Protein backbone atom coordinates (compact mmCIF):
# COMPACT_ATOMS: atom_id res chain seq x y z
CA MET A 1 108.55 86.61 113.09
CA ARG A 2 107.35 88.90 115.86
CA GLN A 3 104.84 88.56 118.70
CA ILE A 4 102.33 91.41 118.89
CA LYS A 5 99.76 91.71 121.65
CA VAL A 6 96.23 92.18 120.26
CA ILE A 7 93.08 93.23 122.10
CA VAL A 8 89.84 91.72 120.78
CA GLU A 9 86.58 93.27 121.95
CA LYS A 10 83.16 91.65 121.57
CA HIS A 11 80.36 94.08 120.70
CA PRO A 12 76.65 93.41 120.01
CA ASP A 13 77.26 93.67 116.26
CA GLY A 14 80.61 91.83 116.01
CA TYR A 15 84.24 91.94 117.10
CA VAL A 16 86.88 94.67 116.96
CA ALA A 17 90.60 93.97 117.30
CA TYR A 18 93.59 96.27 117.67
CA PRO A 19 97.27 95.74 118.42
CA LEU A 20 99.17 97.21 121.34
CA GLY A 21 102.56 98.78 120.88
CA LEU A 22 102.47 99.91 117.26
CA LYS A 23 102.98 103.48 116.14
CA GLY A 24 99.83 104.62 114.37
CA VAL A 25 96.28 103.30 114.33
CA VAL A 26 95.50 99.76 113.21
CA VAL A 27 92.07 98.14 113.60
CA GLY A 28 90.42 94.94 112.41
CA GLN A 29 86.84 93.77 112.64
CA GLY A 30 84.69 90.74 111.93
CA ASP A 31 81.55 88.85 112.76
CA THR A 32 83.58 86.33 114.80
CA TYR A 33 86.66 86.42 117.01
CA GLU A 34 88.64 84.57 114.36
CA GLU A 35 87.57 86.95 111.58
CA ALA A 36 88.52 90.00 113.64
CA LEU A 37 91.91 88.50 114.51
CA ALA A 38 92.61 87.60 110.87
CA ASP A 39 91.53 91.09 109.76
CA VAL A 40 93.78 92.87 112.27
CA LYS A 41 96.74 90.64 111.30
CA SER A 42 96.20 91.66 107.68
CA ALA A 43 95.92 95.32 108.74
CA ILE A 44 99.18 95.04 110.73
CA HIS A 45 100.99 93.63 107.68
CA PHE A 46 99.62 96.47 105.53
CA HIS A 47 100.63 99.06 108.15
CA ILE A 48 104.20 97.73 108.27
CA GLU A 49 104.40 97.58 104.45
CA SER A 50 103.09 101.16 104.20
CA PHE A 51 105.16 102.82 106.93
CA GLY A 52 108.11 100.49 107.46
CA GLU A 53 109.31 98.40 110.37
CA SER A 54 109.92 101.54 112.43
CA VAL A 55 106.23 101.31 113.51
CA LEU A 56 107.31 98.36 115.65
CA GLU A 57 109.97 100.32 117.52
CA ILE A 58 108.28 101.61 120.65
CA GLU A 59 110.10 102.45 123.85
CA PRO A 60 109.67 101.14 126.40
CA PRO A 61 108.33 97.86 125.01
CA ILE A 62 105.10 96.39 126.36
CA LEU A 63 106.08 93.40 128.47
CA GLU A 64 102.60 92.25 129.47
CA ALA A 65 99.02 93.38 128.95
CA PHE A 66 96.10 92.89 131.31
CA VAL A 67 92.37 93.47 131.09
CA ALA A 68 90.82 94.66 134.32
CA GLU A 69 87.43 95.91 135.40
CA ALA A 70 87.06 98.82 137.77
CA ARG A 71 83.88 100.20 139.31
CA ILE A 72 83.56 103.95 139.08
CA GLU A 73 80.93 106.25 140.42
CA VAL A 74 79.00 108.14 137.73
């Protein structure tokens, strides 16, 4: 069992989810938060099965993740 940090974004047409700290690109989506999270978990399993557990070996490891908003001049 392993803890993986996942970002879930809400968009006008649904949700998109992606993990932090994996080698490669993994994305899930769904009409609800729960569907997107379930889809990305399935995609993570497939990614590990396809490429091996080495996709989990990132250095340095992500200890915490934060979401912040910043105002920028455009």
